C-alpha cells in the first residue's frame, strides 16, 4: 500500500502521526491484478480503523501497535477481497512525524 498517516492519541489528545508502510500478501490463488485495483479500499479501511481506535503503541508514541494494526487490516482486507485471498499483512516500516517519548507521571 501507499504510505498511510495514522494518528497517535495519548490520554485523549492527538500527539503524533506515524506514516506506516504496509504490505498485503495474497495467497498463490489470488488474482493480483484484480486486487491491486482495490488498493484505495485497503487504505481507506486502514485509515478508518486507525481513527476509530488509534493503534497507539502502549510504550512508544513514535510507533504504532503492529499486532493490533495487522490484525485489524487483515480482517478488513478479507472482507474487501473475500475469504481465503489474504495470506498475511506486514508493516514494512514506520516513520513518525516527530520523535516523542511518553510523558512522565
N, C-alpha and C. Protein backbone atom coordinates (compact mmCIF):
# COMPACT_ATOMS: atom_id res chain seq x y z
N UNK A 1 0.84 -1.19 0.00
CA UNK A 1 0.00 0.00 0.00
C UNK A 1 0.87 1.24 0.00
N UNK A 2 0.31 2.32 -0.48
CA UNK A 2 0.96 3.62 -0.35
C UNK A 2 1.04 3.95 1.13
N UNK A 3 1.99 4.76 1.56
CA UNK A 3 2.08 5.11 2.99
C UNK A 3 0.80 5.76 3.49
N UNK A 4 0.46 5.43 4.73
CA UNK A 4 -0.76 5.94 5.36
C UNK A 4 -0.37 6.59 6.67
N UNK A 5 -0.83 7.82 6.91
CA UNK A 5 -0.59 8.51 8.17
C UNK A 5 -1.66 8.14 9.18
N UNK A 6 -1.23 7.59 10.31
CA UNK A 6 -2.17 7.19 11.35
C UNK A 6 -1.95 8.02 12.60
N UNK A 7 -3.05 8.42 13.25
CA UNK A 7 -2.92 9.25 14.45
C UNK A 7 -2.43 8.46 15.65
N UNK A 8 -1.68 9.13 16.50
CA UNK A 8 -1.25 8.58 17.78
C UNK A 8 -1.93 9.44 18.84
N UNK A 9 -2.77 8.81 19.64
CA UNK A 9 -3.56 9.52 20.64
C UNK A 9 -3.12 9.05 22.02
N UNK A 10 -2.87 10.00 22.89
CA UNK A 10 -2.45 9.69 24.26
C UNK A 10 -3.32 10.48 25.22
N UNK A 11 -4.01 9.76 26.11
CA UNK A 11 -4.91 10.38 27.08
C UNK A 11 -5.91 11.32 26.41
N UNK A 12 -6.46 10.86 25.30
CA UNK A 12 -7.49 11.61 24.61
C UNK A 12 -7.02 12.76 23.74
N UNK A 13 -5.70 12.93 23.61
CA UNK A 13 -5.16 14.03 22.81
C UNK A 13 -4.32 13.48 21.67
N UNK A 14 -4.47 14.11 20.51
CA UNK A 14 -3.64 13.76 19.36
C UNK A 14 -2.24 14.29 19.62
N UNK A 15 -1.24 13.40 19.64
CA UNK A 15 0.12 13.83 19.96
C UNK A 15 1.10 13.61 18.81
N UNK A 16 0.72 12.80 17.83
CA UNK A 16 1.67 12.50 16.76
C UNK A 16 0.93 11.82 15.60
N UNK A 17 1.61 11.71 14.48
CA UNK A 17 1.19 10.89 13.36
C UNK A 17 2.36 9.99 13.00
N UNK A 18 2.05 8.76 12.67
CA UNK A 18 3.06 7.82 12.20
C UNK A 18 2.64 7.36 10.81
N UNK A 19 3.56 7.50 9.87
CA UNK A 19 3.31 7.06 8.50
C UNK A 19 3.78 5.61 8.39
N UNK A 20 2.84 4.73 8.09
CA UNK A 20 3.16 3.30 8.02
C UNK A 20 3.15 2.84 6.57
N UNK A 21 4.05 1.94 6.30
CA UNK A 21 4.15 1.29 5.00
C UNK A 21 3.73 -0.16 5.23
N UNK A 22 2.67 -0.57 4.55
CA UNK A 22 2.08 -1.88 4.79
C UNK A 22 2.08 -2.69 3.50
N UNK A 23 2.37 -3.96 3.64
CA UNK A 23 2.31 -4.88 2.50
C UNK A 23 1.25 -5.93 2.81
N UNK A 24 0.34 -6.13 1.87
CA UNK A 24 -0.67 -7.18 1.98
C UNK A 24 -0.24 -8.31 1.07
N UNK A 25 0.07 -9.45 1.64
CA UNK A 25 0.49 -10.62 0.88
C UNK A 25 -0.73 -11.48 0.57
N UNK A 26 -0.91 -11.77 -0.70
CA UNK A 26 -2.04 -12.57 -1.15
C UNK A 26 -1.64 -14.04 -1.27
N UNK A 27 -2.63 -14.90 -1.28
CA UNK A 27 -2.37 -16.32 -1.48
C UNK A 27 -1.98 -16.57 -2.93
N UNK A 28 -1.44 -17.73 -3.20
CA UNK A 28 -0.99 -18.03 -4.56
C UNK A 28 -2.16 -18.10 -5.55
N UNK A 29 -3.35 -18.39 -5.08
CA UNK A 29 -4.50 -18.47 -5.99
C UNK A 29 -5.22 -17.15 -6.21
N UNK A 30 -4.78 -16.10 -5.57
CA UNK A 30 -5.45 -14.80 -5.67
C UNK A 30 -5.12 -14.11 -6.99
N UNK A 31 -6.06 -13.36 -7.51
CA UNK A 31 -5.87 -12.59 -8.73
C UNK A 31 -5.24 -11.25 -8.35
N UNK A 32 -3.93 -11.15 -8.48
CA UNK A 32 -3.17 -9.98 -8.03
C UNK A 32 -3.62 -8.72 -8.74
N UNK A 33 -3.80 -8.79 -10.06
CA UNK A 33 -4.20 -7.59 -10.82
C UNK A 33 -5.55 -7.07 -10.36
N UNK A 34 -6.46 -7.97 -10.09
CA UNK A 34 -7.81 -7.57 -9.65
C UNK A 34 -7.75 -6.89 -8.28
N UNK A 35 -6.96 -7.46 -7.36
CA UNK A 35 -6.91 -6.91 -6.01
C UNK A 35 -6.03 -5.67 -5.91
N UNK A 36 -5.10 -5.50 -6.85
CA UNK A 36 -4.29 -4.29 -6.87
C UNK A 36 -5.16 -3.06 -7.11
N UNK A 37 -6.23 -3.24 -7.88
CA UNK A 37 -7.16 -2.14 -8.13
C UNK A 37 -7.92 -1.74 -6.87
N UNK A 38 -7.96 -2.62 -5.87
CA UNK A 38 -8.67 -2.36 -4.61
C UNK A 38 -7.80 -1.64 -3.58
N UNK A 39 -6.58 -1.26 -3.96
CA UNK A 39 -5.65 -0.63 -3.03
C UNK A 39 -6.26 0.58 -2.30
N UNK A 40 -7.01 1.44 -2.98
CA UNK A 40 -7.63 2.56 -2.24
C UNK A 40 -8.61 2.09 -1.16
N UNK A 41 -9.27 0.96 -1.39
CA UNK A 41 -10.20 0.43 -0.39
C UNK A 41 -9.44 -0.08 0.84
N UNK A 42 -8.28 -0.70 0.62
CA UNK A 42 -7.46 -1.16 1.73
C UNK A 42 -6.97 0.03 2.56
N UNK A 43 -6.48 1.07 1.89
CA UNK A 43 -6.00 2.27 2.60
C UNK A 43 -7.14 2.92 3.37
N UNK A 44 -8.31 3.02 2.75
CA UNK A 44 -9.47 3.61 3.41
C UNK A 44 -9.83 2.82 4.66
N UNK A 45 -9.83 1.50 4.56
CA UNK A 45 -10.14 0.66 5.72
C UNK A 45 -9.13 0.88 6.84
N UNK A 46 -7.85 1.00 6.48
CA UNK A 46 -6.81 1.23 7.47
C UNK A 46 -6.97 2.59 8.15
N UNK A 47 -7.24 3.62 7.37
CA UNK A 47 -7.43 4.96 7.93
C UNK A 47 -8.65 4.99 8.85
N UNK A 48 -9.73 4.40 8.42
CA UNK A 48 -10.94 4.37 9.25
C UNK A 48 -10.70 3.63 10.57
N UNK A 49 -10.04 2.48 10.49
CA UNK A 49 -9.75 1.71 11.71
C UNK A 49 -8.82 2.49 12.63
N UNK A 50 -7.82 3.15 12.05
CA UNK A 50 -6.86 3.92 12.84
C UNK A 50 -7.45 5.14 13.51
N UNK A 51 -8.52 5.69 12.95
CA UNK A 51 -9.17 6.84 13.58
C UNK A 51 -10.26 6.38 14.56
N UNK A 52 -10.86 5.22 14.30
CA UNK A 52 -11.88 4.69 15.20
C UNK A 52 -11.24 4.31 16.53
N UNK A 53 -10.20 3.53 16.48
CA UNK A 53 -9.45 3.08 17.66
C UNK A 53 -7.98 3.19 17.32
N UNK A 54 -7.34 4.31 17.66
CA UNK A 54 -5.94 4.51 17.26
C UNK A 54 -5.04 3.36 17.67
N UNK A 55 -4.08 3.06 16.80
CA UNK A 55 -3.13 1.98 17.03
C UNK A 55 -1.93 2.49 17.82
N UNK A 56 -2.17 3.23 18.87
CA UNK A 56 -1.12 3.81 19.69
C UNK A 56 -0.35 2.70 20.41
N UNK A 57 0.96 2.70 20.25
CA UNK A 57 1.81 1.73 20.95
C UNK A 57 1.79 2.07 22.42
N UNK A 58 1.62 1.08 23.31
CA UNK A 58 1.47 1.39 24.73
C UNK A 58 2.70 2.03 25.39
N UNK A 59 3.89 1.84 24.82
CA UNK A 59 5.08 2.38 25.48
C UNK A 59 5.90 3.32 24.60
N UNK A 60 5.43 3.63 23.39
CA UNK A 60 6.20 4.49 22.48
C UNK A 60 5.25 5.27 21.58
N UNK A 61 5.25 6.58 21.73
CA UNK A 61 4.35 7.42 20.95
C UNK A 61 4.89 7.74 19.56
N UNK A 62 5.99 7.09 19.18
CA UNK A 62 6.56 7.26 17.84
C UNK A 62 6.36 6.02 16.98
N UNK A 63 5.56 5.07 17.48
CA UNK A 63 5.29 3.83 16.75
C UNK A 63 3.84 3.46 16.89
N UNK A 64 3.39 2.62 15.95
CA UNK A 64 2.05 2.05 16.07
C UNK A 64 2.17 0.67 16.71
N UNK A 65 1.07 0.19 17.22
CA UNK A 65 0.98 -1.16 17.78
C UNK A 65 0.80 -2.12 16.60
N UNK A 66 1.88 -2.70 16.13
CA UNK A 66 1.88 -3.51 14.91
C UNK A 66 0.93 -4.70 14.98
N UNK A 67 0.92 -5.50 16.05
CA UNK A 67 -0.01 -6.64 16.07
C UNK A 67 -1.48 -6.22 15.95
N UNK A 68 -1.86 -5.15 16.62
CA UNK A 68 -3.26 -4.68 16.50
C UNK A 68 -3.55 -4.19 15.10
N UNK A 69 -2.61 -3.44 14.51
CA UNK A 69 -2.81 -2.90 13.16
C UNK A 69 -2.94 -4.03 12.14
N UNK A 70 -2.02 -4.99 12.18
CA UNK A 70 -2.06 -6.07 11.20
C UNK A 70 -3.31 -6.93 11.36
N UNK A 71 -3.75 -7.17 12.59
CA UNK A 71 -4.96 -7.95 12.81
C UNK A 71 -6.18 -7.22 12.25
N UNK A 72 -6.27 -5.91 12.52
CA UNK A 72 -7.41 -5.14 12.02
C UNK A 72 -7.43 -5.06 10.50
N UNK A 73 -6.27 -4.82 9.90
CA UNK A 73 -6.23 -4.72 8.44
C UNK A 73 -6.46 -6.07 7.78
N UNK A 74 -5.96 -7.15 8.36
CA UNK A 74 -6.20 -8.48 7.80
C UNK A 74 -7.69 -8.79 7.80
N UNK A 75 -8.37 -8.44 8.88
CA UNK A 75 -9.82 -8.66 8.98
C UNK A 75 -10.56 -7.82 7.94
N UNK A 76 -10.20 -6.54 7.82
CA UNK A 76 -10.87 -5.66 6.86
C UNK A 76 -10.54 -6.05 5.42
N UNK A 77 -9.29 -6.43 5.16
CA UNK A 77 -8.89 -6.82 3.80
C UNK A 77 -9.63 -8.08 3.37
N UNK A 78 -9.80 -9.02 4.29
CA UNK A 78 -10.54 -10.24 3.96
C UNK A 78 -11.99 -9.92 3.63
N UNK A 79 -12.54 -8.92 4.30
CA UNK A 79 -13.92 -8.51 3.98
C UNK A 79 -13.99 -7.85 2.60
N UNK A 80 -12.93 -7.17 2.19
CA UNK A 80 -12.91 -6.50 0.88
C UNK A 80 -12.74 -7.50 -0.25
N UNK A 81 -11.80 -8.43 -0.11
CA UNK A 81 -11.49 -9.34 -1.22
C UNK A 81 -12.14 -10.72 -1.09
N UNK A 82 -12.65 -11.05 0.07
CA UNK A 82 -13.27 -12.35 0.27
C UNK A 82 -12.35 -13.28 1.03
N UNK A 83 -12.92 -14.34 1.59
CA UNK A 83 -12.12 -15.27 2.40
C UNK A 83 -11.13 -16.06 1.55
N UNK A 84 -10.00 -16.37 2.17
CA UNK A 84 -9.00 -17.21 1.52
C UNK A 84 -8.12 -16.51 0.50
N UNK A 85 -8.14 -15.19 0.43
CA UNK A 85 -7.33 -14.45 -0.53
C UNK A 85 -6.10 -13.80 0.10
N UNK A 86 -6.17 -13.50 1.40
CA UNK A 86 -5.10 -12.80 2.10
C UNK A 86 -4.26 -13.82 2.87
N UNK A 87 -2.94 -13.83 2.60
CA UNK A 87 -2.03 -14.71 3.34
C UNK A 87 -1.54 -14.02 4.60
N UNK A 88 -1.13 -12.75 4.49
CA UNK A 88 -0.63 -12.02 5.66
C UNK A 88 -0.62 -10.53 5.39
N UNK A 89 -0.50 -9.78 6.48
CA UNK A 89 -0.35 -8.33 6.42
C UNK A 89 0.92 -8.01 7.20
N UNK A 90 1.81 -7.22 6.59
CA UNK A 90 3.10 -6.92 7.20
C UNK A 90 3.33 -5.41 7.18
N UNK A 91 3.72 -4.85 8.32
CA UNK A 91 4.14 -3.46 8.38
C UNK A 91 5.62 -3.46 8.04
N UNK A 92 5.97 -2.87 6.89
CA UNK A 92 7.36 -2.90 6.44
C UNK A 92 8.20 -1.80 7.07
N UNK A 93 7.59 -0.65 7.36
CA UNK A 93 8.33 0.40 8.06
C UNK A 93 7.36 1.41 8.65
N UNK A 94 7.89 2.19 9.59
CA UNK A 94 7.13 3.24 10.25
C UNK A 94 7.98 4.50 10.28
N UNK A 95 7.36 5.62 9.99
CA UNK A 95 8.07 6.90 10.03
C UNK A 95 7.22 7.91 10.81
N UNK A 96 7.60 8.18 12.06
CA UNK A 96 6.84 9.14 12.85
C UNK A 96 7.06 10.56 12.34
N UNK A 97 6.03 11.37 12.46
CA UNK A 97 6.18 12.78 12.09
C UNK A 97 7.21 13.45 12.99
N UNK A 98 7.20 13.08 14.26
CA UNK A 98 8.23 13.56 15.18
C UNK A 98 8.47 12.50 16.25
N UNK A 99 9.64 12.49 16.79
CA UNK A 99 10.03 11.53 17.82
C UNK A 99 9.66 12.10 19.18
N UNK A 100 8.79 11.37 19.90
CA UNK A 100 8.42 11.81 21.23
C UNK A 100 8.34 10.58 22.15
N UNK A 101 8.58 10.80 23.41
CA UNK A 101 8.51 9.74 24.39
C UNK A 101 7.25 9.92 25.22
N UNK A 102 6.90 8.90 25.97
CA UNK A 102 5.76 9.01 26.87
C UNK A 102 6.06 10.05 27.93
N UNK A 103 5.09 10.92 28.24
CA UNK A 103 5.30 11.88 29.32
C UNK A 103 5.48 11.16 30.65
N UNK A 104 6.29 11.72 31.50
CA UNK A 104 6.48 11.13 32.82
C UNK A 104 5.33 11.52 33.73
N UNK A 105 4.95 10.56 34.56
CA UNK A 105 3.93 10.83 35.56
C UNK A 105 2.59 10.68 35.10
